């Protein structure tokens, strides 16, 4: 089940670990809106999570797909790859979030929305 996580409604790292156990790669697919500073977790596909945010009024240019590996630390915790990130019209030509400033914004949002137990 997909959930929107926003300020004041953090998700526990232990919950993310349980979600990851259900996925074959021990990861959680996440889509982050860098403008609204919210994220969606629990979808099978980034595109499902993206659709939910668009339905809720997010703008395409602010939505980024990532993978979280909740059992990992530091640089291995987040992977900035998703097919939904391919948006040449917004300056992103690959599956990777190319702009460092956007990656840092995503990390900041994760720190605000995840309760690291």
PDB file of N, CA and C in Angstrom:
ATOM      1  N   UNK A   1       0.826  -1.188   0.000  1.00  0.00           N
ATOM      2  CA  UNK A   1       0.000   0.000   0.000  1.00  0.00           C
ATOM      3  C   UNK A   1       0.867   1.247   0.000  1.00  0.00           C
ATOM      4  N   UNK A   2       0.573   2.171  -0.902  1.00  0.00           N
ATOM      5  CA  UNK A   2       1.357   3.396  -0.996  1.00  0.00           C
ATOM      6  C   UNK A   2       0.931   4.392   0.085  1.00  0.00           C
ATOM      7  N   UNK A   3       1.940   5.098   0.605  1.00  0.00           N
ATOM      8  CA  UNK A   3       1.700   6.110   1.637  1.00  0.00           C
ATOM      9  C   UNK A   3       2.435   7.385   1.289  1.00  0.00           C
ATOM     10  N   UNK A   4       1.771   8.506   1.498  1.00  0.00           N
ATOM     11  CA  UNK A   4       2.433   9.804   1.378  1.00  0.00           C
ATOM     12  C   UNK A   4       2.995  10.145   2.751  1.00  0.00           C
ATOM     13  N   UNK A   5       4.277  10.465   2.771  1.00  0.00           N
ATOM     14  CA  UNK A   5       4.957  10.832   4.011  1.00  0.00           C
ATOM     15  C   UNK A   5       5.254  12.331   3.929  1.00  0.00           C
ATOM     16  N   UNK A   6       4.858  13.059   4.965  1.00  0.00           N
ATOM     17  CA  UNK A   6       5.077  14.502   4.993  1.00  0.00           C
ATOM     18  C   UNK A   6       5.521  14.923   6.384  1.00  0.00           C
ATOM     19  N   UNK A   7       5.931  16.167   6.516  1.00  0.00           N
ATOM     20  CA  UNK A   7       6.390  16.670   7.810  1.00  0.00           C
ATOM     21  C   UNK A   7       5.317  16.423   8.866  1.00  0.00           C
ATOM     22  N   UNK A   8       5.757  15.998  10.023  1.00  0.00           N
ATOM     23  CA  UNK A   8       4.839  15.702  11.105  1.00  0.00           C
ATOM     24  C   UNK A   8       4.291  14.281  11.060  1.00  0.00           C
ATOM     25  N   UNK A   9       4.589  13.548   9.984  1.00  0.00           N
ATOM     26  CA  UNK A   9       4.113  12.165   9.834  1.00  0.00           C
ATOM     27  C   UNK A   9       5.258  11.292   9.334  1.00  0.00           C
ATOM     28  N   UNK A  10       6.343  11.304  10.053  1.00  0.00           N
ATOM     29  CA  UNK A  10       7.531  10.554   9.648  1.00  0.00           C
ATOM     30  C   UNK A  10       7.248   9.067   9.532  1.00  0.00           C
ATOM     31  N   UNK A  11       8.091   8.396   8.771  1.00  0.00           N
ATOM     32  CA  UNK A  11       8.043   6.937   8.696  1.00  0.00           C
ATOM     33  C   UNK A  11       9.277   6.404   9.422  1.00  0.00           C
ATOM     34  N   UNK A  12       9.083   5.354  10.175  1.00  0.00           N
ATOM     35  CA  UNK A  12      10.192   4.756  10.928  1.00  0.00           C
ATOM     36  C   UNK A  12      11.079   3.931   9.995  1.00  0.00           C
ATOM     37  N   UNK A  13      12.357   3.959  10.271  1.00  0.00           N
ATOM     38  CA  UNK A  13      13.306   3.151   9.503  1.00  0.00           C
ATOM     39  C   UNK A  13      12.920   1.677   9.586  1.00  0.00           C
ATOM     40  N   UNK A  14      12.434   1.251  10.735  1.00  0.00           N
ATOM     41  CA  UNK A  14      12.023  -0.148  10.889  1.00  0.00           C
ATOM     42  C   UNK A  14      10.876  -0.502   9.932  1.00  0.00           C
ATOM     43  N   UNK A  15       9.976   0.447   9.657  1.00  0.00           N
ATOM     44  CA  UNK A  15       8.899   0.209   8.692  1.00  0.00           C
ATOM     45  C   UNK A  15       9.458   0.054   7.284  1.00  0.00           C
ATOM     46  N   UNK A  16      10.447   0.893   6.957  1.00  0.00           N
ATOM     47  CA  UNK A  16      11.088   0.794   5.645  1.00  0.00           C
ATOM     48  C   UNK A  16      11.800  -0.544   5.494  1.00  0.00           C
ATOM     49  N   UNK A  17      12.410  -1.021   6.570  1.00  0.00           N
ATOM     50  CA  UNK A  17      13.087  -2.324   6.528  1.00  0.00           C
ATOM     51  C   UNK A  17      12.090  -3.435   6.249  1.00  0.00           C
ATOM     52  N   UNK A  18      10.904  -3.362   6.852  1.00  0.00           N
ATOM     53  CA  UNK A  18       9.875  -4.373   6.603  1.00  0.00           C
ATOM     54  C   UNK A  18       9.409  -4.322   5.145  1.00  0.00           C
ATOM     55  N   UNK A  19       9.251  -3.109   4.610  1.00  0.00           N
ATOM     56  CA  UNK A  19       8.869  -2.964   3.202  1.00  0.00           C
ATOM     57  C   UNK A  19       9.934  -3.571   2.298  1.00  0.00           C
ATOM     58  N   UNK A  20      11.192  -3.305   2.616  1.00  0.00           N
ATOM     59  CA  UNK A  20      12.307  -3.795   1.800  1.00  0.00           C
ATOM     60  C   UNK A  20      12.370  -5.316   1.789  1.00  0.00           C
ATOM     61  N   UNK A  21      12.020  -5.931   2.900  1.00  0.00           N
ATOM     62  CA  UNK A  21      12.030  -7.393   2.981  1.00  0.00           C
ATOM     63  C   UNK A  21      11.074  -8.015   1.970  1.00  0.00           C
ATOM     64  N   UNK A  22      10.004  -7.302   1.656  1.00  0.00           N
ATOM     65  CA  UNK A  22       9.021  -7.812   0.698  1.00  0.00           C
ATOM     66  C   UNK A  22       9.479  -7.643  -0.752  1.00  0.00           C
ATOM     67  N   UNK A  23      10.451  -6.782  -0.974  1.00  0.00           N
ATOM     68  CA  UNK A  23      10.975  -6.557  -2.323  1.00  0.00           C
ATOM     69  C   UNK A  23      12.153  -7.494  -2.556  1.00  0.00           C
ATOM     70  N   UNK A  24      12.334  -7.950  -3.775  1.00  0.00           N
ATOM     71  CA  UNK A  24      13.384  -8.927  -4.038  1.00  0.00           C
ATOM     72  C   UNK A  24      14.791  -8.364  -3.893  1.00  0.00           C
ATOM     73  N   UNK A  25      14.960  -7.066  -4.034  1.00  0.00           N
ATOM     74  CA  UNK A  25      16.301  -6.473  -3.941  1.00  0.00           C
ATOM     75  C   UNK A  25      16.569  -5.796  -2.603  1.00  0.00           C
ATOM     76  N   UNK A  26      15.691  -6.027  -1.610  1.00  0.00           N
ATOM     77  CA  UNK A  26      15.819  -5.379  -0.300  1.00  0.00           C
ATOM     78  C   UNK A  26      15.899  -3.866  -0.400  1.00  0.00           C
ATOM     79  N   UNK A  27      15.041  -3.315  -1.241  1.00  0.00           N
ATOM     80  CA  UNK A  27      14.983  -1.878  -1.408  1.00  0.00           C
ATOM     81  C   UNK A  27      13.540  -1.409  -1.310  1.00  0.00           C
ATOM     82  N   UNK A  28      13.384  -0.114  -1.120  1.00  0.00           N
ATOM     83  CA  UNK A  28      12.069   0.509  -1.133  1.00  0.00           C
ATOM     84  C   UNK A  28      12.085   1.563  -2.226  1.00  0.00           C
ATOM     85  N   UNK A  29      11.132   1.483  -3.133  1.00  0.00           N
ATOM     86  CA  UNK A  29      10.994   2.491  -4.174  1.00  0.00           C
ATOM     87  C   UNK A  29      10.321   3.707  -3.552  1.00  0.00           C
ATOM     88  N   UNK A  30      10.868   4.876  -3.843  1.00  0.00           N
ATOM     89  CA  UNK A  30      10.387   6.125  -3.254  1.00  0.00           C
ATOM     90  C   UNK A  30      10.342   7.181  -4.344  1.00  0.00           C
ATOM     91  N   UNK A  31       9.322   8.024  -4.298  1.00  0.00           N
ATOM     92  CA  UNK A  31       9.273   9.186  -5.174  1.00  0.00           C
ATOM     93  C   UNK A  31       9.148  10.410  -4.281  1.00  0.00           C
ATOM     94  N   UNK A  32      10.022  11.390  -4.523  1.00  0.00           N
ATOM     95  CA  UNK A  32      10.108  12.588  -3.697  1.00  0.00           C
ATOM     96  C   UNK A  32       9.672  13.799  -4.510  1.00  0.00           C
ATOM     97  N   UNK A  33       8.862  14.660  -3.892  1.00  0.00           N
ATOM     98  CA  UNK A  33       8.526  15.968  -4.458  1.00  0.00           C
ATOM     99  C   UNK A  33       9.412  16.974  -3.740  1.00  0.00           C
ATOM    100  N   UNK A  34      10.387  17.526  -4.452  1.00  0.00           N
ATOM    101  CA  UNK A  34      11.355  18.420  -3.827  1.00  0.00           C
ATOM    102  C   UNK A  34      10.789  19.805  -3.527  1.00  0.00           C
ATOM    103  N   UNK A  35       9.668  20.150  -4.113  1.00  0.00           N
ATOM    104  CA  UNK A  35       9.045  21.444  -3.817  1.00  0.00           C
ATOM    105  C   UNK A  35       8.164  21.341  -2.569  1.00  0.00           C
ATOM    106  N   UNK A  36       7.305  20.334  -2.530  1.00  0.00           N
ATOM    107  CA  UNK A  36       6.396  20.152  -1.390  1.00  0.00           C
ATOM    108  C   UNK A  36       7.077  19.472  -0.201  1.00  0.00           C
ATOM    109  N   UNK A  37       8.273  18.910  -0.455  1.00  0.00           N
ATOM    110  CA  UNK A  37       9.045  18.198   0.564  1.00  0.00           C
ATOM    111  C   UNK A  37       8.244  17.050   1.170  1.00  0.00           C
ATOM    112  N   UNK A  38       7.678  16.240   0.275  1.00  0.00           N
ATOM    113  CA  UNK A  38       6.948  15.038   0.659  1.00  0.00           C
ATOM    114  C   UNK A  38       7.482  13.875  -0.160  1.00  0.00           C
ATOM    115  N   UNK A  39       7.109  12.665   0.244  1.00  0.00           N
ATOM    116  CA  UNK A  39       7.518  11.499  -0.532  1.00  0.00           C
ATOM    117  C   UNK A  39       6.439  10.432  -0.462  1.00  0.00           C
ATOM    118  N   UNK A  40       6.470   9.537  -1.434  1.00  0.00           N
ATOM    119  CA  UNK A  40       5.574   8.392  -1.452  1.00  0.00           C
ATOM    120  C   UNK A  40       6.425   7.135  -1.347  1.00  0.00           C
ATOM    121  N   UNK A  41       5.988   6.217  -0.500  1.00  0.00           N
ATOM    122  CA  UNK A  41       6.654   4.930  -0.336  1.00  0.00           C
ATOM    123  C   UNK A  41       5.622   3.825  -0.518  1.00  0.00           C
ATOM    124  N   UNK A  42       6.099   2.618  -0.761  1.00  0.00           N
ATOM    125  CA  UNK A  42       5.227   1.456  -0.760  1.00  0.00           C
ATOM    126  C   UNK A  42       4.690   1.022  -2.108  1.00  0.00           C
ATOM    127  N   UNK A  43       5.056   1.708  -3.172  1.00  0.00           N
ATOM    128  CA  UNK A  43       4.598   1.302  -4.490  1.00  0.00           C
ATOM    129  C   UNK A  43       5.493   0.243  -5.096  1.00  0.00           C
ATOM    130  N   UNK A  44       4.927  -0.560  -5.971  1.00  0.00           N
ATOM    131  CA  UNK A  44       5.744  -1.545  -6.685  1.00  0.00           C
ATOM    132  C   UNK A  44       6.600  -0.882  -7.740  1.00  0.00           C
ATOM    133  N   UNK A  45       6.081   0.190  -8.325  1.00  0.00           N
ATOM    134  CA  UNK A  45       6.786   0.926  -9.384  1.00  0.00           C
ATOM    135  C   UNK A  45       6.864   2.402  -9.022  1.00  0.00           C
ATOM    136  N   UNK A  46       7.966   3.019  -9.425  1.00  0.00           N
ATOM    137  CA  UNK A  46       8.088   4.464  -9.243  1.00  0.00           C
ATOM    138  C   UNK A  46       6.949   5.187  -9.962  1.00  0.00           C
ATOM    139  N   UNK A  47       6.555   4.677 -11.110  1.00  0.00           N
ATOM    140  CA  UNK A  47       5.514   5.339 -11.891  1.00  0.00           C
ATOM    141  C   UNK A  47       4.175   5.365 -11.158  1.00  0.00           C
ATOM    142  N   UNK A  48       3.885   4.359 -10.340  1.00  0.00           N
ATOM    143  CA  UNK A  48       2.663   4.367  -9.534  1.00  0.00           C
ATOM    144  C   UNK A  48       2.717   5.477  -8.485  1.00  0.00           C
ATOM    145  N   UNK A  49       3.864   5.605  -7.846  1.00  0.00           N
ATOM    146  CA  UNK A  49       4.048   6.632  -6.824  1.00  0.00           C
ATOM    147  C   UNK A  49       4.018   8.019  -7.459  1.00  0.00           C
ATOM    148  N   UNK A  50       4.642   8.136  -8.615  1.00  0.00           N
ATOM    149  CA  UNK A  50       4.634   9.396  -9.368  1.00  0.00           C
ATOM    150  C   UNK A  50       3.193   9.808  -9.692  1.00  0.00           C
ATOM    151  N   UNK A  51       2.394   8.859 -10.155  1.00  0.00           N
ATOM    152  CA  UNK A  51       0.998   9.138 -10.510  1.00  0.00           C
ATOM    153  C   UNK A  51       0.217   9.652  -9.299  1.00  0.00           C
ATOM    154  N   UNK A  52       0.465   9.073  -8.128  1.00  0.00           N
ATOM    155  CA  UNK A  52      -0.209   9.512  -6.915  1.00  0.00           C
ATOM    156  C   UNK A  52       0.136  10.965  -6.594  1.00  0.00           C
ATOM    157  N   UNK A  53       1.417  11.314  -6.697  1.00  0.00           N
ATOM    158  CA  UNK A  53       1.818  12.697  -6.416  1.00  0.00           C
ATOM    159  C   UNK A  53       1.226  13.667  -7.440  1.00  0.00           C
ATOM    160  N   UNK A  54       1.213  13.279  -8.700  1.00  0.00           N
ATOM    161  CA  UNK A  54       0.618  14.142  -9.725  1.00  0.00           C
ATOM    162  C   UNK A  54      -0.870  14.348  -9.453  1.00  0.00           C
ATOM    163  N   UNK A  55      -1.538  13.295  -9.022  1.00  0.00           N
ATOM    164  CA  UNK A  55      -2.952  13.367  -8.648  1.00  0.00           C
ATOM    165  C   UNK A  55      -3.172  14.360  -7.513  1.00  0.00           C
ATOM    166  N   UNK A  56      -2.192  14.439  -6.615  1.00  0.00           N
ATOM    167  CA  UNK A  56      -2.289  15.315  -5.440  1.00  0.00           C
ATOM    168  C   UNK A  56      -1.770  16.725  -5.719  1.00  0.00           C
ATOM    169  N   UNK A  57      -1.471  17.022  -6.992  1.00  0.00           N
ATOM    170  CA  UNK A  57      -1.100  18.383  -7.358  1.00  0.00           C
ATOM    171  C   UNK A  57       0.377  18.675  -7.485  1.00  0.00           C
ATOM    172  N   UNK A  58       1.228  17.670  -7.372  1.00  0.00           N
ATOM    173  CA  UNK A  58       2.664  17.896  -7.560  1.00  0.00           C
ATOM    174  C   UNK A  58       2.952  18.210  -9.022  1.00  0.00           C
ATOM    175  N   UNK A  59       4.029  18.932  -9.244  1.00  0.00           N
ATOM    176  CA  UNK A  59       4.453  19.264 -10.604  1.00  0.00           C
ATOM    177  C   UNK A  59       5.529  18.281 -11.051  1.00  0.00           C
ATOM    178  N   UNK A  60       5.433  17.850 -12.294  1.00  0.00           N
ATOM    179  CA  UNK A  60       6.348  16.858 -12.855  1.00  0.00           C
ATOM    180  C   UNK A  60       7.819  17.208 -12.624  1.00  0.00           C
ATOM    181  N   UNK A  61       8.171  18.471 -12.807  1.00  0.00           N
ATOM    182  CA  UNK A  61       9.579  18.857 -12.708  1.00  0.00           C
ATOM    183  C   UNK A  61      10.152  18.745 -11.294  1.00  0.00           C
ATOM    184  N   UNK A  62       9.283  18.557 -10.305  1.00  0.00           N
ATOM    185  CA  UNK A  62       9.735  18.454  -8.912  1.00  0.00           C
ATOM    186  C   UNK A  62       9.736  17.029  -8.376  1.00  0.00           C
ATOM    187  N   UNK A  63       9.375  16.069  -9.213  1.00  0.00           N
ATOM    188  CA  UNK A  63       9.227  14.683  -8.774  1.00  0.00           C
ATOM    189  C   UNK A  63      10.426  13.853  -9.231  1.00  0.00           C
ATOM    190  N   UNK A  64      11.028  13.136  -8.274  1.00  0.00           N
ATOM    191  CA  UNK A  64      12.222  12.336  -8.552  1.00  0.00           C
ATOM    192  C   UNK A  64      12.099  10.960  -7.930  1.00  0.00           C
ATOM    193  N   UNK A  65      12.464   9.944  -8.691  1.00  0.00           N
ATOM    194  CA  UNK A  65      12.429   8.572  -8.221  1.00  0.00           C
ATOM    195  C   UNK A  65      13.773   8.145  -7.666  1.00  0.00           C
ATOM    196  N   UNK A  66      13.730   7.501  -6.508  1.00  0.00           N
ATOM    197  CA  UNK A  66      14.945   6.990  -5.873  1.00  0.00           C
ATOM    198  C   UNK A  66      14.657   5.601  -5.309  1.00  0.00           C
ATOM    199  N   UNK A  67      15.706   4.932  -4.896  1.00  0.00           N
ATOM    200  CA  UNK A  67      15.584   3.673  -4.171  1.00  0.00           C
ATOM    201  C   UNK A  67      16.284   3.843  -2.836  1.00  0.00           C
ATOM    202  N   UNK A  68      15.635   3.354  -1.791  1.00  0.00           N
ATOM    203  CA  UNK A  68      16.241   3.369  -0.455  1.00  0.00           C
ATOM    204  C   UNK A  68      16.571   1.929  -0.082  1.00  0.00           C
ATOM    205  N   UNK A  69      17.783   1.747   0.418  1.00  0.00           N
ATOM    206  CA  UNK A  69      18.227   0.466   0.947  1.00  0.00           C
ATOM    207  C   UNK A  69      18.338   0.633   2.462  1.00  0.00           C
ATOM    208  N   UNK A  70      17.244   0.377   3.196  1.00  0.00           N
ATOM    209  CA  UNK A  70      17.216   0.700   4.626  1.00  0.00           C
ATOM    210  C   UNK A  70      18.198  -0.065   5.501  1.00  0.00           C
ATOM    211  N   UNK A  71      18.760  -1.146   4.993  1.00  0.00           N
ATOM    212  CA  UNK A  71      19.739  -1.898   5.777  1.00  0.00           C
ATOM    213  C   UNK A  71      21.169  -1.424   5.533  1.00  0.00           C
ATOM    214  N   UNK A  72      21.321  -0.432   4.678  1.00  0.00           N
ATOM    215  CA  UNK A  72      22.651   0.099   4.344  1.00  0.00           C
ATOM    216  C   UNK A  72      22.894   1.422   5.071  1.00  0.00           C
ATOM    217  N   UNK A  73      24.111   1.882   5.039  1.00  0.00           N
ATOM    218  CA  UNK A  73      24.502   3.142   5.681  1.00  0.00           C
ATOM    219  C   UNK A  73      25.082   4.099   4.639  1.00  0.00           C
ATOM    220  N   UNK A  74      25.107   5.372   5.029  1.00  0.00           N
ATOM    221  CA  UNK A  74      25.759   6.435   4.269  1.00  0.00           C
ATOM    222  C   UNK A  74      25.404   6.435   2.785  1.00  0.00           C
ATOM    223  N   UNK A  75      26.425   6.400   1.920  1.00  0.00           N
ATOM    224  CA  UNK A  75      26.208   6.545   0.470  1.00  0.00           C
ATOM    225  C   UNK A  75      25.470   5.362  -0.157  1.00  0.00           C
ATOM    226  N   UNK A  76      25.425   4.225   0.533  1.00  0.00           N
ATOM    227  CA  UNK A  76      24.723   3.052  -0.011  1.00  0.00           C
ATOM    228  C   UNK A  76      23.235   3.050   0.363  1.00  0.00           C
ATOM    229  N   UNK A  77      22.816   3.993   1.202  1.00  0.00           N
ATOM    230  CA  UNK A  77      21.436   4.066   1.669  1.00  0.00           C
ATOM    231  C   UNK A  77      20.482   4.523   0.561  1.00  0.00           C
ATOM    232  N   UNK A  78      20.942   5.444  -0.292  1.00  0.00           N
ATOM    233  CA  UNK A  78      20.091   6.006  -1.346  1.00  0.00           C
ATOM    234  C   UNK A  78      20.720   5.795  -2.710  1.00  0.00           C
ATOM    235  N   UNK A  79      19.889   5.387  -3.649  1.00  0.00           N
ATOM    236  CA  UNK A  79      20.290   5.255  -5.053  1.00  0.00           C
ATOM    237  C   UNK A  79      19.373   6.202  -5.842  1.00  0.00           C
ATOM    238  N   UNK A  80      19.961   7.095  -6.585  1.00  0.00           N
ATOM    239  CA  UNK A  80      19.205   8.149  -7.283  1.00  0.00           C
ATOM    240  C   UNK A  80      18.793   7.731  -8.692  1.00  0.00           C
ATOM    241  N   UNK A  81      18.394   6.492  -8.871  1.00  0.00           N
ATOM    242  CA  UNK A  81      18.057   5.966 -10.195  1.00  0.00           C
ATOM    243  C   UNK A  81      16.586   5.592 -10.303  1.00  0.00           C
ATOM    244  N   UNK A  82      15.974   6.009 -11.382  1.00  0.00           N
ATOM    245  CA  UNK A  82      14.619   5.587 -11.723  1.00  0.00           C
ATOM    246  C   UNK A  82      14.334   5.993 -13.158  1.00  0.00           C
ATOM    247  N   UNK A  83      13.593   5.174 -13.837  1.00  0.00           N
ATOM    248  CA  UNK A  83      13.218   5.459 -15.221  1.00  0.00           C
ATOM    249  C   UNK A  83      12.410   6.761 -15.300  1.00  0.00           C
ATOM    250  N   UNK A  84      11.680   7.112 -14.235  1.00  0.00           N
ATOM    251  CA  UNK A  84      10.870   8.338 -14.273  1.00  0.00           C
ATOM    252  C   UNK A  84      11.738   9.601 -14.271  1.00  0.00           C
ATOM    253  N   UNK A  85      13.024   9.449 -13.960  1.00  0.00           N
ATOM    254  CA  UNK A  85      13.923  10.607 -13.927  1.00  0.00           C
ATOM    255  C   UNK A  85      14.368  11.053 -15.317  1.00  0.00           C
ATOM    256  N   UNK A  86      14.110  10.251 -16.334  1.00  0.00           N
ATOM    257  CA  UNK A  86      14.511  10.630 -17.694  1.00  0.00           C
ATOM    258  C   UNK A  86      13.547  11.717 -18.178  1.00  0.00           C
ATOM    259  N   UNK A  87      14.046  12.955 -18.161  1.00  0.00           N
ATOM    260  CA  UNK A  87      13.237  14.102 -18.573  1.00  0.00           C
ATOM    261  C   UNK A  87      14.131  15.144 -19.225  1.00  0.00           C
ATOM    262  N   UNK A  88      14.481  14.928 -20.477  1.00  0.00           N
ATOM    263  CA  UNK A  88      15.354  15.886 -21.166  1.00  0.00           C
ATOM    264  C   UNK A  88      14.802  17.313 -21.163  1.00  0.00           C
ATOM    265  N   UNK A  89      13.491  17.457 -21.204  1.00  0.00           N
ATOM    266  CA  UNK A  89      12.902  18.802 -21.227  1.00  0.00           C
ATOM    267  C   UNK A  89      13.133  19.556 -19.919  1.00  0.00           C
ATOM    268  N   UNK A  90      13.448  18.825 -18.848  1.00  0.00           N
ATOM    269  CA  UNK A  90      13.773  19.451 -17.571  1.00  0.00           C
ATOM    270  C   UNK A  90      15.261  19.334 -17.261  1.00  0.00           C
ATOM    271  N   UNK A  91      16.059  18.980 -18.248  1.00  0.00           N
ATOM    272  CA  UNK A  91      17.500  18.943 -18.094  1.00  0.00           C
ATOM    273  C   UNK A  91      18.070  17.666 -17.512  1.00  0.00           C
ATOM    274  N   UNK A  92      17.283  16.620 -17.422  1.00  0.00           N
ATOM    275  CA  UNK A  92      17.785  15.348 -16.894  1.00  0.00           C
ATOM    276  C   UNK A  92      17.648  14.288 -17.977  1.00  0.00           C
ATOM    277  N   UNK A  93      18.793  13.851 -18.517  1.00  0.00           N
ATOM    278  CA  UNK A  93      18.780  12.967 -19.685  1.00  0.00           C
ATOM    279  C   UNK A  93      18.998  11.496 -19.373  1.00  0.00           C
ATOM    280  N   UNK A  94      19.151  11.158 -18.096  1.00  0.00           N
ATOM    281  CA  UNK A  94      19.396   9.758 -17.742  1.00  0.00           C
ATOM    282  C   UNK A  94      18.479   9.340 -16.602  1.00  0.00           C
ATOM    283  N   UNK A  95      18.596   8.078 -16.197  1.00  0.00           N
ATOM    284  CA  UNK A  95      17.791   7.588 -15.073  1.00  0.00           C
ATOM    285  C   UNK A  95      18.300   8.133 -13.735  1.00  0.00           C
ATOM    286  N   UNK A  96      19.515   8.629 -13.726  1.00  0.00           N
ATOM    287  CA  UNK A  96      20.139   9.184 -12.520  1.00  0.00           C
ATOM    288  C   UNK A  96      19.686  10.629 -12.313  1.00  0.00           C
ATOM    289  N   UNK A  97      19.469  11.032 -11.063  1.00  0.00           N
ATOM    290  CA  UNK A  97      19.244  12.443 -10.765  1.00  0.00           C
ATOM    291  C   UNK A  97      20.596  13.112 -10.973  1.00  0.00           C
ATOM    292  N   UNK A  98      20.725  13.870 -12.066  1.00  0.00           N
ATOM    293  CA  UNK A  98      22.027  14.387 -12.484  1.00  0.00           C
ATOM    294  C   UNK A  98      22.508  15.596 -11.683  1.00  0.00           C
ATOM    295  N   UNK A  99      21.617  16.475 -11.290  1.00  0.00           N
ATOM    296  CA  UNK A  99      22.030  17.700 -10.602  1.00  0.00           C
ATOM    297  C   UNK A  99      22.294  17.437  -9.126  1.00  0.00           C
ATOM    298  N   UNK A 100      23.511  17.777  -8.721  1.00  0.00           N
ATOM    299  CA  UNK A 100      23.922  17.552  -7.334  1.00  0.00           C
ATOM    300  C   UNK A 100      23.025  18.300  -6.355  1.00  0.00           C
ATOM    301  N   UNK A 101      22.605  19.497  -6.715  1.00  0.00           N
ATOM    302  CA  UNK A 101      21.754  20.283  -5.810  1.00  0.00           C
ATOM    303  C   UNK A 101      20.417  19.574  -5.544  1.00  0.00           C
ATOM    304  N   UNK A 102      19.899  18.885  -6.537  1.00  0.00           N
ATOM    305  CA  UNK A 102      18.647  18.139  -6.356  1.00  0.00           C
ATOM    306  C   UNK A 102      18.896  16.918  -5.477  1.00  0.00           C
ATOM    307  N   UNK A 103      20.026  16.237  -5.698  1.00  0.00           N
ATOM    308  CA  UNK A 103      20.348  15.079  -4.849  1.00  0.00           C
ATOM    309  C   UNK A 103      20.467  15.499  -3.385  1.00  0.00           C
ATOM    310  N   UNK A 104      21.122  16.643  -3.112  1.00  0.00           N
ATOM    311  CA  UNK A 104      21.260  17.131  -1.735  1.00  0.00           C
ATOM    312  C   UNK A 104      19.903  17.496  -1.145  1.00  0.00           C
ATOM    313  N   UNK A 105      19.025  18.069  -1.957  1.00  0.00           N
ATOM    314  CA  UNK A 105      17.675  18.417  -1.499  1.00  0.00           C
ATOM    315  C   UNK A 105      16.914  17.140  -1.125  1.00  0.00           C
ATOM    316  N   UNK A 106      17.043  16.096  -1.934  1.00  0.00           N
ATOM    317  CA  UNK A 106      16.385  14.825  -1.644  1.00  0.00           C
ATOM    318  C   UNK A 106      16.909  14.245  -0.328  1.00  0.00           C
ATOM    319  N   UNK A 107      18.206  14.271  -0.115  1.00  0.00           N
ATOM    320  CA  UNK A 107      18.794  13.763   1.131  1.00  0.00           C
ATOM    321  C   UNK A 107      18.255  14.536   2.326  1.00  0.00           C
ATOM    322  N   UNK A 108      18.169  15.849   2.194  1.00  0.00           N
ATOM    323  CA  UNK A 108      17.628  16.696   3.268  1.00  0.00           C
ATOM    324  C   UNK A 108      16.189  16.291   3.589  1.00  0.00           C
ATOM    325  N   UNK A 109      15.389  16.075   2.570  1.00  0.00           N
ATOM    326  CA  UNK A 109      13.990  15.676   2.763  1.00  0.00           C
ATOM    327  C   UNK A 109      13.916  14.311   3.449  1.00  0.00           C
ATOM    328  N   UNK A 110      14.748  13.371   3.018  1.00  0.00           N
ATOM    329  CA  UNK A 110      14.760  12.045   3.659  1.00  0.00           C
ATOM    330  C   UNK A 110      15.084  12.169   5.142  1.00  0.00           C
ATOM    331  N   UNK A 111      16.046  12.999   5.491  1.00  0.00           N
ATOM    332  CA  UNK A 111      16.421  13.178   6.899  1.00  0.00           C
ATOM    333  C   UNK A 111      15.266  13.751   7.715  1.00  0.00           C
ATOM    334  N   UNK A 112      14.428  14.566   7.078  1.00  0.00           N
ATOM    335  CA  UNK A 112      13.286  15.164   7.773  1.00  0.00           C
ATOM    336  C   UNK A 112      12.099  14.213   7.887  1.00  0.00           C
ATOM    337  N   UNK A 113      11.989  13.271   6.940  1.00  0.00           N
ATOM    338  CA  UNK A 113      10.794  12.434   6.893  1.00  0.00           C
ATOM    339  C   UNK A 113      10.980  11.012   7.406  1.00  0.00           C
ATOM    340  N   UNK A 114      12.222  10.616   7.661  1.00  0.00           N
ATOM    341  CA  UNK A 114      12.486   9.270   8.179  1.00  0.00           C
ATOM    342  C   UNK A 114      12.917   9.367   9.623  1.00  0.00           C
ATOM    343  N   UNK A 115      12.257   8.589  10.474  1.00  0.00           N
ATOM    344  CA  UNK A 115      12.642   8.469  11.874  1.00  0.00           C
ATOM    345  C   UNK A 115      13.628   7.318  11.949  1.00  0.00           C
ATOM    346  N   UNK A 116      14.882   7.641  12.144  1.00  0.00           N
ATOM    347  CA  UNK A 116      15.936   6.623  12.116  1.00  0.00           C
ATOM    348  C   UNK A 116      16.013   5.815  13.407  1.00  0.00           C
ATOM    349  N   UNK A 117      14.868   5.691  14.076  1.00  0.00           N
ATOM    350  CA  UNK A 117      14.683   4.894  15.304  1.00  0.00           C
ATOM    351  C   UNK A 117      15.662   5.294  16.360  1.00  0.00           C
TER     352      UNK A 117
END
